[in-house]
Amino acid sequence: MLITRCFLLCLLLLSAPIMATEKNAQFNIPLFTAHYDLYAYNIKVATAVRQLRRQQQQYVLTTDTKTIGVVSLFRNDTIKEKSVWEWKNGVIQPQHYSYKHDSKKKKRYINIDFDWVNR
């Protein structure tokens, strides 16, 4: 639940400046792909790819993280996050969020579908 709250807070914070400047217009968000290397004590322990793409009227933000190298022998973790949202009346409206964490010890799955009609 904490992850969901943090995610929604981030969406709210990111959308605030956009709402102020683009009240009723379709805002053209730049699409991107970013690659990250994660280090602990100067040792590369994981890689991550974050991508924002557009599918028809919706935007899809994904993050894929995976442990690598020696660390992956002890903790072979993968984390996949996906957020689907669209513009409605000049604001970001989340449609779906999913989180999947696979590891040897524990698996965690979260799927949230936002039903804006029935609130």
PDB file of N, CA and C in Angstrom:
ATOM      1  N   MET A   1       0.818  -1.199   0.000  1.00  0.00           N
ATOM      2  CA  MET A   1       0.000   0.000   0.000  1.00  0.00           C
ATOM      3  C   MET A   1       0.859   1.258   0.000  1.00  0.00           C
ATOM      4  N   LEU A   2       2.002   1.177   0.682  1.00  0.00           N
ATOM      5  CA  LEU A   2       2.912   2.319   0.727  1.00  0.00           C
ATOM      6  C   LEU A   2       3.437   2.650  -0.668  1.00  0.00           C
ATOM      7  N   ILE A   3       3.727   1.606  -1.454  1.00  0.00           N
ATOM      8  CA  ILE A   3       4.219   1.817  -2.813  1.00  0.00           C
ATOM      9  C   ILE A   3       3.171   2.547  -3.635  1.00  0.00           C
ATOM     10  N   THR A   4       1.924   2.139  -3.493  1.00  0.00           N
ATOM     11  CA  THR A   4       0.837   2.765  -4.235  1.00  0.00           C
ATOM     12  C   THR A   4       0.703   4.232  -3.850  1.00  0.00           C
ATOM     13  N   ARG A   5       0.758   4.511  -2.562  1.00  0.00           N
ATOM     14  CA  ARG A   5       0.636   5.897  -2.105  1.00  0.00           C
ATOM     15  C   ARG A   5       1.778   6.750  -2.630  1.00  0.00           C
ATOM     16  N   CYS A   6       2.992   6.208  -2.582  1.00  0.00           N
ATOM     17  CA  CYS A   6       4.150   6.949  -3.099  1.00  0.00           C
ATOM     18  C   CYS A   6       4.002   7.201  -4.591  1.00  0.00           C
ATOM     19  N   PHE A   7       3.550   6.181  -5.317  1.00  0.00           N
ATOM     20  CA  PHE A   7       3.364   6.316  -6.753  1.00  0.00           C
ATOM     21  C   PHE A   7       2.325   7.395  -7.063  1.00  0.00           C
ATOM     22  N   LEU A   8       1.201   7.346  -6.376  1.00  0.00           N
ATOM     23  CA  LEU A   8       0.144   8.333  -6.635  1.00  0.00           C
ATOM     24  C   LEU A   8       0.595   9.740  -6.248  1.00  0.00           C
ATOM     25  N   LEU A   9       1.381   9.852  -5.171  1.00  0.00           N
ATOM     26  CA  LEU A   9       1.908  11.148  -4.770  1.00  0.00           C
ATOM     27  C   LEU A   9       2.846  11.692  -5.847  1.00  0.00           C
ATOM     28  N   CYS A  10       3.695  10.814  -6.397  1.00  0.00           N
ATOM     29  CA  CYS A  10       4.594  11.236  -7.479  1.00  0.00           C
ATOM     30  C   CYS A  10       3.804  11.713  -8.689  1.00  0.00           C
ATOM     31  N   LEU A  11       2.762  10.968  -9.052  1.00  0.00           N
ATOM     32  CA  LEU A  11       1.935  11.386 -10.180  1.00  0.00           C
ATOM     33  C   LEU A  11       1.296  12.746  -9.916  1.00  0.00           C
ATOM     34  N   LEU A  12       0.821  12.942  -8.699  1.00  0.00           N
ATOM     35  CA  LEU A  12       0.194  14.205  -8.343  1.00  0.00           C
ATOM     36  C   LEU A  12       1.204  15.344  -8.433  1.00  0.00           C
ATOM     37  N   LEU A  13       2.397  15.133  -7.870  1.00  0.00           N
ATOM     38  CA  LEU A  13       3.421  16.170  -7.906  1.00  0.00           C
ATOM     39  C   LEU A  13       3.873  16.477  -9.321  1.00  0.00           C
ATOM     40  N   LEU A  14       3.998  15.444 -10.142  1.00  0.00           N
ATOM     41  CA  LEU A  14       4.411  15.658 -11.525  1.00  0.00           C
ATOM     42  C   LEU A  14       3.334  16.347 -12.344  1.00  0.00           C
ATOM     43  N   SER A  15       2.082  16.095 -12.011  1.00  0.00           N
ATOM     44  CA  SER A  15       1.006  16.668 -12.810  1.00  0.00           C
ATOM     45  C   SER A  15       0.657  18.097 -12.397  1.00  0.00           C
ATOM     46  N   ALA A  16       1.057  18.546 -11.214  1.00  0.00           N
ATOM     47  CA  ALA A  16       0.683  19.879 -10.737  1.00  0.00           C
ATOM     48  C   ALA A  16       1.133  20.987 -11.670  1.00  0.00           C
ATOM     49  N   PRO A  17       2.411  21.059 -12.078  1.00  0.00           N
ATOM     50  CA  PRO A  17       2.807  22.128 -13.003  1.00  0.00           C
ATOM     51  C   PRO A  17       2.125  22.010 -14.358  1.00  0.00           C
ATOM     52  N   ILE A  18       1.885  20.801 -14.792  1.00  0.00           N
ATOM     53  CA  ILE A  18       1.243  20.588 -16.081  1.00  0.00           C
ATOM     54  C   ILE A  18      -0.197  21.064 -16.036  1.00  0.00           C
ATOM     55  N   MET A  19      -0.897  20.769 -14.933  1.00  0.00           N
ATOM     56  CA  MET A  19      -2.289  21.205 -14.800  1.00  0.00           C
ATOM     57  C   MET A  19      -2.371  22.726 -14.820  1.00  0.00           C
ATOM     58  N   ALA A  20      -1.393  23.391 -14.236  1.00  0.00           N
ATOM     59  CA  ALA A  20      -1.439  24.843 -14.166  1.00  0.00           C
ATOM     60  C   ALA A  20      -1.265  25.487 -15.538  1.00  0.00           C
ATOM     61  N   THR A  21      -0.486  24.872 -16.405  1.00  0.00           N
ATOM     62  CA  THR A  21      -0.214  25.488 -17.700  1.00  0.00           C
ATOM     63  C   THR A  21      -1.067  24.943 -18.832  1.00  0.00           C
ATOM     64  N   GLU A  22      -1.636  23.776 -18.660  1.00  0.00           N
ATOM     65  CA  GLU A  22      -2.362  23.121 -19.746  1.00  0.00           C
ATOM     66  C   GLU A  22      -3.773  22.718 -19.308  1.00  0.00           C
ATOM     67  N   LYS A  23      -4.539  23.659 -18.863  1.00  0.00           N
ATOM     68  CA  LYS A  23      -5.857  23.368 -18.297  1.00  0.00           C
ATOM     69  C   LYS A  23      -6.713  22.440 -19.150  1.00  0.00           C
ATOM     70  N   ASN A  24      -7.004  22.810 -20.366  1.00  0.00           N
ATOM     71  CA  ASN A  24      -7.907  22.006 -21.190  1.00  0.00           C
ATOM     72  C   ASN A  24      -7.278  21.541 -22.495  1.00  0.00           C
ATOM     73  N   ALA A  25      -5.957  21.536 -22.546  1.00  0.00           N
ATOM     74  CA  ALA A  25      -5.274  21.144 -23.782  1.00  0.00           C
ATOM     75  C   ALA A  25      -4.607  19.793 -23.605  1.00  0.00           C
ATOM     76  N   GLN A  26      -4.444  19.103 -24.693  1.00  0.00           N
ATOM     77  CA  GLN A  26      -3.696  17.855 -24.690  1.00  0.00           C
ATOM     78  C   GLN A  26      -2.217  18.211 -24.601  1.00  0.00           C
ATOM     79  N   PHE A  27      -1.550  17.751 -23.585  1.00  0.00           N
ATOM     80  CA  PHE A  27      -0.152  18.080 -23.368  1.00  0.00           C
ATOM     81  C   PHE A  27       0.718  17.026 -24.027  1.00  0.00           C
ATOM     82  N   ASN A  28       1.702  17.440 -24.797  1.00  0.00           N
ATOM     83  CA  ASN A  28       2.584  16.521 -25.492  1.00  0.00           C
ATOM     84  C   ASN A  28       3.798  16.230 -24.614  1.00  0.00           C
ATOM     85  N   ILE A  29       3.796  15.086 -23.962  1.00  0.00           N
ATOM     86  CA  ILE A  29       4.869  14.705 -23.058  1.00  0.00           C
ATOM     87  C   ILE A  29       5.979  14.049 -23.873  1.00  0.00           C
ATOM     88  N   PRO A  30       7.231  14.433 -23.648  1.00  0.00           N
ATOM     89  CA  PRO A  30       8.319  13.787 -24.378  1.00  0.00           C
ATOM     90  C   PRO A  30       8.493  12.334 -23.935  1.00  0.00           C
ATOM     91  N   LEU A  31       8.532  11.433 -24.885  1.00  0.00           N
ATOM     92  CA  LEU A  31       8.715  10.022 -24.597  1.00  0.00           C
ATOM     93  C   LEU A  31      10.215   9.766 -24.417  1.00  0.00           C
ATOM     94  N   PHE A  32      10.558   8.760 -23.626  1.00  0.00           N
ATOM     95  CA  PHE A  32      11.975   8.520 -23.351  1.00  0.00           C
ATOM     96  C   PHE A  32      12.234   7.083 -22.951  1.00  0.00           C
ATOM     97  N   THR A  33      13.493   6.713 -23.029  1.00  0.00           N
ATOM     98  CA  THR A  33      14.019   5.476 -22.462  1.00  0.00           C
ATOM     99  C   THR A  33      15.296   5.851 -21.736  1.00  0.00           C
ATOM    100  N   ALA A  34      15.399   5.466 -20.459  1.00  0.00           N
ATOM    101  CA  ALA A  34      16.577   5.780 -19.649  1.00  0.00           C
ATOM    102  C   ALA A  34      17.137   4.485 -19.068  1.00  0.00           C
ATOM    103  N   HIS A  35      18.448   4.364 -19.111  1.00  0.00           N
ATOM    104  CA  HIS A  35      19.138   3.193 -18.581  1.00  0.00           C
ATOM    105  C   HIS A  35      19.924   3.613 -17.346  1.00  0.00           C
ATOM    106  N   TYR A  36      19.812   2.824 -16.286  1.00  0.00           N
ATOM    107  CA  TYR A  36      20.490   3.126 -15.034  1.00  0.00           C
ATOM    108  C   TYR A  36      21.335   1.940 -14.592  1.00  0.00           C
ATOM    109  N   ASP A  37      22.461   2.226 -13.953  1.00  0.00           N
ATOM    110  CA  ASP A  37      23.269   1.216 -13.289  1.00  0.00           C
ATOM    111  C   ASP A  37      23.227   1.531 -11.800  1.00  0.00           C
ATOM    112  N   LEU A  38      22.962   0.524 -10.995  1.00  0.00           N
ATOM    113  CA  LEU A  38      22.876   0.706  -9.550  1.00  0.00           C
ATOM    114  C   LEU A  38      24.129   0.125  -8.899  1.00  0.00           C
ATOM    115  N   TYR A  39      24.728   0.905  -8.001  1.00  0.00           N
ATOM    116  CA  TYR A  39      25.975   0.523  -7.356  1.00  0.00           C
ATOM    117  C   TYR A  39      25.807   0.466  -5.844  1.00  0.00           C
ATOM    118  N   ALA A  40      26.544  -0.466  -5.226  1.00  0.00           N
ATOM    119  CA  ALA A  40      26.664  -0.527  -3.768  1.00  0.00           C
ATOM    120  C   ALA A  40      28.143  -0.723  -3.459  1.00  0.00           C
ATOM    121  N   TYR A  41      28.719   0.201  -2.724  1.00  0.00           N
ATOM    122  CA  TYR A  41      30.144   0.133  -2.399  1.00  0.00           C
ATOM    123  C   TYR A  41      31.009   0.010  -3.655  1.00  0.00           C
ATOM    124  N   ASN A  42      30.706   0.811  -4.648  1.00  0.00           N
ATOM    125  CA  ASN A  42      31.433   0.861  -5.925  1.00  0.00           C
ATOM    126  C   ASN A  42      31.371  -0.432  -6.732  1.00  0.00           C
ATOM    127  N   ILE A  43      30.404  -1.286  -6.447  1.00  0.00           N
ATOM    128  CA  ILE A  43      30.203  -2.513  -7.207  1.00  0.00           C
ATOM    129  C   ILE A  43      28.841  -2.417  -7.889  1.00  0.00           C
ATOM    130  N   LYS A  44      28.841  -2.670  -9.199  1.00  0.00           N
ATOM    131  CA  LYS A  44      27.573  -2.642  -9.943  1.00  0.00           C
ATOM    132  C   LYS A  44      26.733  -3.848  -9.532  1.00  0.00           C
ATOM    133  N   VAL A  45      25.541  -3.593  -8.983  1.00  0.00           N
ATOM    134  CA  VAL A  45      24.708  -4.672  -8.449  1.00  0.00           C
ATOM    135  C   VAL A  45      23.416  -4.881  -9.232  1.00  0.00           C
ATOM    136  N   ALA A  46      23.010  -3.891 -10.017  1.00  0.00           N
ATOM    137  CA  ALA A  46      21.746  -4.020 -10.748  1.00  0.00           C
ATOM    138  C   ALA A  46      21.699  -3.029 -11.893  1.00  0.00           C
ATOM    139  N   THR A  47      20.820  -3.315 -12.829  1.00  0.00           N
ATOM    140  CA  THR A  47      20.542  -2.393 -13.923  1.00  0.00           C
ATOM    141  C   THR A  47      19.043  -2.117 -13.943  1.00  0.00           C
ATOM    142  N   ALA A  48      18.687  -0.974 -14.457  1.00  0.00           N
ATOM    143  CA  ALA A  48      17.277  -0.610 -14.556  1.00  0.00           C
ATOM    144  C   ALA A  48      17.045   0.125 -15.866  1.00  0.00           C
ATOM    145  N   VAL A  49      15.883  -0.111 -16.433  1.00  0.00           N
ATOM    146  CA  VAL A  49      15.469   0.600 -17.638  1.00  0.00           C
ATOM    147  C   VAL A  49      14.091   1.190 -17.363  1.00  0.00           C
ATOM    148  N   ARG A  50      13.982   2.491 -17.546  1.00  0.00           N
ATOM    149  CA  ARG A  50      12.698   3.177 -17.378  1.00  0.00           C
ATOM    150  C   ARG A  50      12.300   3.733 -18.732  1.00  0.00           C
ATOM    151  N   GLN A  51      11.036   3.497 -19.097  1.00  0.00           N
ATOM    152  CA  GLN A  51      10.590   3.914 -20.426  1.00  0.00           C
ATOM    153  C   GLN A  51       9.192   4.502 -20.347  1.00  0.00           C
ATOM    154  N   LEU A  52       9.021   5.618 -21.040  1.00  0.00           N
ATOM    155  CA  LEU A  52       7.695   6.206 -21.208  1.00  0.00           C
ATOM    156  C   LEU A  52       7.368   6.134 -22.682  1.00  0.00           C
ATOM    157  N   ARG A  53       6.271   5.472 -23.006  1.00  0.00           N
ATOM    158  CA  ARG A  53       5.839   5.352 -24.396  1.00  0.00           C
ATOM    159  C   ARG A  53       4.344   5.620 -24.465  1.00  0.00           C
ATOM    160  N   ARG A  54       3.892   5.787 -25.680  1.00  0.00           N
ATOM    161  CA  ARG A  54       2.473   6.072 -25.895  1.00  0.00           C
ATOM    162  C   ARG A  54       1.839   4.929 -26.657  1.00  0.00           C
ATOM    163  N   GLN A  55       0.653   4.515 -26.202  1.00  0.00           N
ATOM    164  CA  GLN A  55      -0.147   3.507 -26.886  1.00  0.00           C
ATOM    165  C   GLN A  55      -1.534   4.097 -27.097  1.00  0.00           C
ATOM    166  N   GLN A  56      -1.800   4.484 -28.309  1.00  0.00           N
ATOM    167  CA  GLN A  56      -3.057   5.137 -28.673  1.00  0.00           C
ATOM    168  C   GLN A  56      -3.264   6.365 -27.798  1.00  0.00           C
ATOM    169  N   GLN A  57      -4.307   6.415 -26.971  1.00  0.00           N
ATOM    170  CA  GLN A  57      -4.590   7.584 -26.134  1.00  0.00           C
ATOM    171  C   GLN A  57      -3.944   7.494 -24.752  1.00  0.00           C
ATOM    172  N   GLN A  58      -3.246   6.419 -24.488  1.00  0.00           N
ATOM    173  CA  GLN A  58      -2.683   6.211 -23.154  1.00  0.00           C
ATOM    174  C   GLN A  58      -1.163   6.309 -23.165  1.00  0.00           C
ATOM    175  N   TYR A  59      -0.621   6.670 -22.010  1.00  0.00           N
ATOM    176  CA  TYR A  59       0.808   6.658 -21.784  1.00  0.00           C
ATOM    177  C   TYR A  59       1.129   5.462 -20.895  1.00  0.00           C
ATOM    178  N   VAL A  60       2.268   4.840 -21.143  1.00  0.00           N
ATOM    179  CA  VAL A  60       2.690   3.681 -20.370  1.00  0.00           C
ATOM    180  C   VAL A  60       4.099   3.956 -19.850  1.00  0.00           C
ATOM    181  N   LEU A  61       4.239   3.957 -18.539  1.00  0.00           N
ATOM    182  CA  LEU A  61       5.534   4.138 -17.895  1.00  0.00           C
ATOM    183  C   LEU A  61       5.937   2.802 -17.289  1.00  0.00           C
ATOM    184  N   THR A  62       7.083   2.259 -17.724  1.00  0.00           N
ATOM    185  CA  THR A  62       7.557   0.978 -17.208  1.00  0.00           C
ATOM    186  C   THR A  62       8.950   1.152 -16.613  1.00  0.00           C
ATOM    187  N   THR A  63       9.230   0.338 -15.607  1.00  0.00           N
ATOM    188  CA  THR A  63      10.558   0.260 -15.021  1.00  0.00           C
ATOM    189  C   THR A  63      10.878  -1.211 -14.814  1.00  0.00           C
ATOM    190  N   ASP A  64      11.993  -1.645 -15.360  1.00  0.00           N
ATOM    191  CA  ASP A  64      12.460  -3.023 -15.201  1.00  0.00           C
ATOM    192  C   ASP A  64      13.825  -2.974 -14.528  1.00  0.00           C
ATOM    193  N   THR A  65      13.942  -3.645 -13.374  1.00  0.00           N
ATOM    194  CA  THR A  65      15.178  -3.670 -12.605  1.00  0.00           C
ATOM    195  C   THR A  65      15.589  -5.115 -12.378  1.00  0.00           C
ATOM    196  N   LYS A  66      16.890  -5.384 -12.518  1.00  0.00           N
ATOM    197  CA  LYS A  66      17.392  -6.750 -12.358  1.00  0.00           C
ATOM    198  C   LYS A  66      18.775  -6.716 -11.727  1.00  0.00           C
ATOM    199  N   THR A  67      18.983  -7.601 -10.746  1.00  0.00           N
ATOM    200  CA  THR A  67      20.317  -7.721 -10.169  1.00  0.00           C
ATOM    201  C   THR A  67      21.243  -8.378 -11.182  1.00  0.00           C
ATOM    202  N   ILE A  68      22.538  -8.043 -11.091  1.00  0.00           N
ATOM    203  CA  ILE A  68      23.508  -8.582 -12.050  1.00  0.00           C
ATOM    204  C   ILE A  68      24.790  -8.964 -11.313  1.00  0.00           C
ATOM    205  N   GLY A  69      25.666  -9.642 -12.037  1.00  0.00           N
ATOM    206  CA  GLY A  69      26.985  -9.972 -11.523  1.00  0.00           C
ATOM    207  C   GLY A  69      26.946 -10.915 -10.337  1.00  0.00           C
ATOM    208  N   VAL A  70      27.920 -10.766  -9.464  1.00  0.00           N
ATOM    209  CA  VAL A  70      28.054 -11.636  -8.296  1.00  0.00           C
ATOM    210  C   VAL A  70      26.826 -11.539  -7.396  1.00  0.00           C
ATOM    211  N   VAL A  71      26.254 -10.366  -7.302  1.00  0.00           N
ATOM    212  CA  VAL A  71      25.078 -10.171  -6.449  1.00  0.00           C
ATOM    213  C   VAL A  71      23.932 -11.068  -6.896  1.00  0.00           C
ATOM    214  N   SER A  72      23.794 -11.266  -8.196  1.00  0.00           N
ATOM    215  CA  SER A  72      22.683 -12.084  -8.691  1.00  0.00           C
ATOM    216  C   SER A  72      22.819 -13.551  -8.292  1.00  0.00           C
ATOM    217  N   LEU A  73      24.009 -13.988  -7.912  1.00  0.00           N
ATOM    218  CA  LEU A  73      24.168 -15.355  -7.397  1.00  0.00           C
ATOM    219  C   LEU A  73      23.488 -15.520  -6.044  1.00  0.00           C
ATOM    220  N   PHE A  74      23.460 -14.426  -5.270  1.00  0.00           N
ATOM    221  CA  PHE A  74      22.869 -14.466  -3.932  1.00  0.00           C
ATOM    222  C   PHE A  74      21.445 -13.921  -3.902  1.00  0.00           C
ATOM    223  N   ARG A  75      21.203 -12.936  -4.718  1.00  0.00           N
ATOM    224  CA  ARG A  75      19.871 -12.314  -4.802  1.00  0.00           C
ATOM    225  C   ARG A  75      19.523 -12.120  -6.257  1.00  0.00           C
ATOM    226  N   ASN A  76      18.860 -13.066  -6.834  1.00  0.00           N
ATOM    227  CA  ASN A  76      18.465 -12.985  -8.238  1.00  0.00           C
ATOM    228  C   ASN A  76      17.080 -12.334  -8.318  1.00  0.00           C
ATOM    229  N   ASP A  77      17.038 -11.031  -8.096  1.00  0.00           N
ATOM    230  CA  ASP A  77      15.781 -10.292  -8.034  1.00  0.00           C
ATOM    231  C   ASP A  77      15.482  -9.609  -9.368  1.00  0.00           C
ATOM    232  N   THR A  78      14.203  -9.559  -9.688  1.00  0.00           N
ATOM    233  CA  THR A  78      13.717  -8.718 -10.779  1.00  0.00           C
ATOM    234  C   THR A  78      12.495  -7.971 -10.280  1.00  0.00           C
ATOM    235  N   ILE A  79      12.411  -6.714 -10.655  1.00  0.00           N
ATOM    236  CA  ILE A  79      11.259  -5.888 -10.290  1.00  0.00           C
ATOM    237  C   ILE A  79      10.737  -5.248 -11.572  1.00  0.00           C
ATOM    238  N   LYS A  80       9.444  -5.399 -11.804  1.00  0.00           N
ATOM    239  CA  LYS A  80       8.802  -4.804 -12.970  1.00  0.00           C
ATOM    240  C   LYS A  80       7.628  -3.952 -12.488  1.00  0.00           C
ATOM    241  N   GLU A  81       7.638  -2.695 -12.884  1.00  0.00           N
ATOM    242  CA  GLU A  81       6.541  -1.785 -12.564  1.00  0.00           C
ATOM    243  C   GLU A  81       5.964  -1.255 -13.866  1.00  0.00           C
ATOM    244  N   LYS A  82       4.654  -1.086 -13.871  1.00  0.00           N
ATOM    245  CA  LYS A  82       3.989  -0.555 -15.055  1.00  0.00           C
ATOM    246  C   LYS A  82       2.834   0.336 -14.612  1.00  0.00           C
ATOM    247  N   SER A  83       2.810   1.522 -15.173  1.00  0.00           N
ATOM    248  CA  SER A  83       1.738   2.466 -14.889  1.00  0.00           C
ATOM    249  C   SER A  83       1.134   2.910 -16.215  1.00  0.00           C
ATOM    250  N   VAL A  84      -0.172   2.787 -16.333  1.00  0.00           N
ATOM    251  CA  VAL A  84      -0.888   3.200 -17.544  1.00  0.00           C
ATOM    252  C   VAL A  84      -1.797   4.361 -17.144  1.00  0.00           C
ATOM    253  N   TRP A  85      -1.707   5.459 -17.881  1.00  0.00           N
ATOM    254  CA  TRP A  85      -2.522   6.631 -17.566  1.00  0.00           C
ATOM    255  C   TRP A  85      -2.832   7.395 -18.839  1.00  0.00           C
ATOM    256  N   GLU A  86      -3.776   8.295 -18.718  1.00  0.00           N
ATOM    257  CA  GLU A  86      -4.160   9.119 -19.863  1.00  0.00           C
ATOM    258  C   GLU A  86      -4.560  10.504 -19.386  1.00  0.00           C
ATOM    259  N   TRP A  87      -4.650  11.404 -20.348  1.00  0.00           N
ATOM    260  CA  TRP A  87      -5.087  12.770 -20.061  1.00  0.00           C
ATOM    261  C   TRP A  87      -6.605  12.828 -20.101  1.00  0.00           C
ATOM    262  N   LYS A  88      -7.190  13.374 -19.062  1.00  0.00           N
ATOM    263  CA  LYS A  88      -8.635  13.620 -19.020  1.00  0.00           C
ATOM    264  C   LYS A  88      -8.851  15.045 -18.533  1.00  0.00           C
ATOM    265  N   ASN A  89      -9.394  15.870 -19.377  1.00  0.00           N
ATOM    266  CA  ASN A  89      -9.674  17.266 -19.020  1.00  0.00           C
ATOM    267  C   ASN A  89      -8.442  17.986 -18.487  1.00  0.00           C
ATOM    268  N   GLY A  90      -7.292  17.725 -19.096  1.00  0.00           N
ATOM    269  CA  GLY A  90      -6.076  18.442 -18.731  1.00  0.00           C
ATOM    270  C   GLY A  90      -5.326  17.913 -17.524  1.00  0.00           C
ATOM    271  N   VAL A  91      -5.723  16.786 -16.977  1.00  0.00           N
ATOM    272  CA  VAL A  91      -5.013  16.208 -15.832  1.00  0.00           C
ATOM    273  C   VAL A  91      -4.680  14.741 -16.110  1.00  0.00           C
ATOM    274  N   ILE A  92      -3.677  14.255 -15.413  1.00  0.00           N
ATOM    275  CA  ILE A  92      -3.305  12.849 -15.534  1.00  0.00           C
ATOM    276  C   ILE A  92      -4.315  12.001 -14.770  1.00  0.00           C
ATOM    277  N   GLN A  93      -4.805  10.958 -15.429  1.00  0.00           N
ATOM    278  CA  GLN A  93      -5.753  10.049 -14.789  1.00  0.00           C
ATOM    279  C   GLN A  93      -5.218   8.618 -14.896  1.00  0.00           C
ATOM    280  N   PRO A  94      -4.739   8.056 -13.778  1.00  0.00           N
ATOM    281  CA  PRO A  94      -4.227   6.686 -13.804  1.00  0.00           C
ATOM    282  C   PRO A  94      -5.317   5.699 -14.192  1.00  0.00           C
ATOM    283  N   GLN A  95      -4.943   4.708 -15.002  1.00  0.00           N
ATOM    284  CA  GLN A  95      -5.876   3.667 -15.420  1.00  0.00           C
ATOM    285  C   GLN A  95      -5.518   2.318 -14.799  1.00  0.00           C
ATOM    286  N   HIS A  96      -4.217   2.028 -14.721  1.00  0.00           N
ATOM    287  CA  HIS A  96      -3.765   0.738 -14.200  1.00  0.00           C
ATOM    288  C   HIS A  96      -2.351   0.880 -13.642  1.00  0.00           C
ATOM    289  N   TYR A  97      -2.073   0.133 -12.583  1.00  0.00           N
ATOM    290  CA  TYR A  97      -0.734   0.069 -12.011  1.00  0.00           C
ATOM    291  C   TYR A  97      -0.439  -1.375 -11.642  1.00  0.00           C
ATOM    292  N   SER A  98       0.773  -1.840 -11.979  1.00  0.00           N
ATOM    293  CA  SER A  98       1.164  -3.186 -11.569  1.00  0.00           C
ATOM    294  C   SER A  98       2.608  -3.167 -11.080  1.00  0.00           C
ATOM    295  N   TYR A  99       2.871  -4.046 -10.125  1.00  0.00           N
ATOM    296  CA  TYR A  99       4.190  -4.193  -9.519  1.00  0.00           C
ATOM    297  C   TYR A  99       4.437  -5.673  -9.346  1.00  0.00           C
ATOM    298  N   LYS A 100       5.580  -6.140  -9.817  1.00  0.00           N
ATOM    299  CA  LYS A 100       5.917  -7.556  -9.706  1.00  0.00           C
ATOM    300  C   LYS A 100       7.366  -7.661  -9.254  1.00  0.00           C
ATOM    301  N   HIS A 101       7.572  -8.289  -8.093  1.00  0.00           N
ATOM    302  CA  HIS A 101       8.913  -8.482  -7.548  1.00  0.00           C
ATOM    303  C   HIS A 101       9.135  -9.979  -7.398  1.00  0.00           C
ATOM    304  N   ASP A 102      10.058 -10.505  -8.194  1.00  0.00           N
ATOM    305  CA  ASP A 102      10.411 -11.924  -8.140  1.00  0.00           C
ATOM    306  C   ASP A 102      11.785 -12.072  -7.506  1.00  0.00           C
ATOM    307  N   SER A 103      11.846 -12.941  -6.512  1.00  0.00           N
ATOM    308  CA  SER A 103      13.129 -13.279  -5.902  1.00  0.00           C
ATOM    309  C   SER A 103      13.058 -14.731  -5.429  1.00  0.00           C
ATOM    310  N   LYS A 104      14.196 -15.263  -5.058  1.00  0.00           N
ATOM    311  CA  LYS A 104      14.229 -16.648  -4.583  1.00  0.00           C
ATOM    312  C   LYS A 104      13.432 -16.817  -3.296  1.00  0.00           C
ATOM    313  N   LYS A 105      13.496 -15.828  -2.437  1.00  0.00           N
ATOM    314  CA  LYS A 105      12.846 -15.929  -1.131  1.00  0.00           C
ATOM    315  C   LYS A 105      11.361 -15.587  -1.161  1.00  0.00           C
ATOM    316  N   LYS A 106      11.018 -14.580  -1.933  1.00  0.00           N
ATOM    317  CA  LYS A 106       9.655 -14.065  -1.845  1.00  0.00           C
ATOM    318  C   LYS A 106       9.218 -13.472  -3.173  1.00  0.00           C
ATOM    319  N   LYS A 107       7.943 -13.606  -3.469  1.00  0.00           N
ATOM    320  CA  LYS A 107       7.357 -12.986  -4.656  1.00  0.00           C
ATOM    321  C   LYS A 107       6.260 -12.033  -4.192  1.00  0.00           C
ATOM    322  N   ARG A 108       6.168 -10.914  -4.879  1.00  0.00           N
ATOM    323  CA  ARG A 108       5.143  -9.934  -4.514  1.00  0.00           C
ATOM    324  C   ARG A 108       4.521  -9.381  -5.779  1.00  0.00           C
ATOM    325  N   TYR A 109       3.195  -9.393  -5.827  1.00  0.00           N
ATOM    326  CA  TYR A 109       2.448  -8.903  -6.988  1.00  0.00           C
ATOM    327  C   TYR A 109       1.398  -7.906  -6.516  1.00  0.00           C
ATOM    328  N   ILE A 110       1.293  -6.813  -7.237  1.00  0.00           N
ATOM    329  CA  ILE A 110       0.257  -5.820  -6.963  1.00  0.00           C
ATOM    330  C   ILE A 110      -0.340  -5.413  -8.299  1.00  0.00           C
ATOM    331  N   ASN A 111      -1.652  -5.441  -8.402  1.00  0.00           N
ATOM    332  CA  ASN A 111      -2.362  -4.968  -9.596  1.00  0.00           C
ATOM    333  C   ASN A 111      -3.493  -4.058  -9.136  1.00  0.00           C
ATOM    334  N   ILE A 112      -3.525  -2.882  -9.700  1.00  0.00           N
ATOM    335  CA  ILE A 112      -4.578  -1.920  -9.351  1.00  0.00           C
ATOM    336  C   ILE A 112      -5.215  -1.427 -10.638  1.00  0.00           C
ATOM    337  N   ASP A 113      -6.518  -1.580 -10.746  1.00  0.00           N
ATOM    338  CA  ASP A 113      -7.271  -1.001 -11.854  1.00  0.00           C
ATOM    339  C   ASP A 113      -8.108   0.128 -11.288  1.00  0.00           C
ATOM    340  N   PHE A 114      -8.012   1.297 -11.890  1.00  0.00           N
ATOM    341  CA  PHE A 114      -8.746   2.458 -11.418  1.00  0.00           C
ATOM    342  C   PHE A 114     -10.079   2.529 -12.155  1.00  0.00           C
ATOM    343  N   ASP A 115     -11.164   2.529 -11.405  1.00  0.00           N
ATOM    344  CA  ASP A 115     -12.508   2.599 -11.964  1.00  0.00           C
ATOM    345  C   ASP A 115     -13.053   4.005 -11.722  1.00  0.00           C
ATOM    346  N   TRP A 116     -12.825   4.880 -12.674  1.00  0.00           N
ATOM    347  CA  TRP A 116     -13.204   6.281 -12.499  1.00  0.00           C
ATOM    348  C   TRP A 116     -14.701   6.506 -12.630  1.00  0.00           C
ATOM    349  N   VAL A 117     -15.403   5.633 -13.317  1.00  0.00           N
ATOM    350  CA  VAL A 117     -16.851   5.783 -13.464  1.00  0.00           C
ATOM    351  C   VAL A 117     -17.533   5.550 -12.116  1.00  0.00           C
ATOM    352  N   ASN A 118     -17.133   4.476 -11.430  1.00  0.00           N
ATOM    353  CA  ASN A 118     -17.764   4.137 -10.138  1.00  0.00           C
ATOM    354  C   ASN A 118     -16.978   4.657  -8.936  1.00  0.00           C
ATOM    355  N   ARG A 119     -15.892   5.330  -9.212  1.00  0.00           N
ATOM    356  CA  ARG A 119     -15.022   5.885  -8.166  1.00  0.00           C
ATOM    357  C   ARG A 119     -14.572   4.810  -7.212  1.00  0.00           C
TER     358      ARG A 119
END
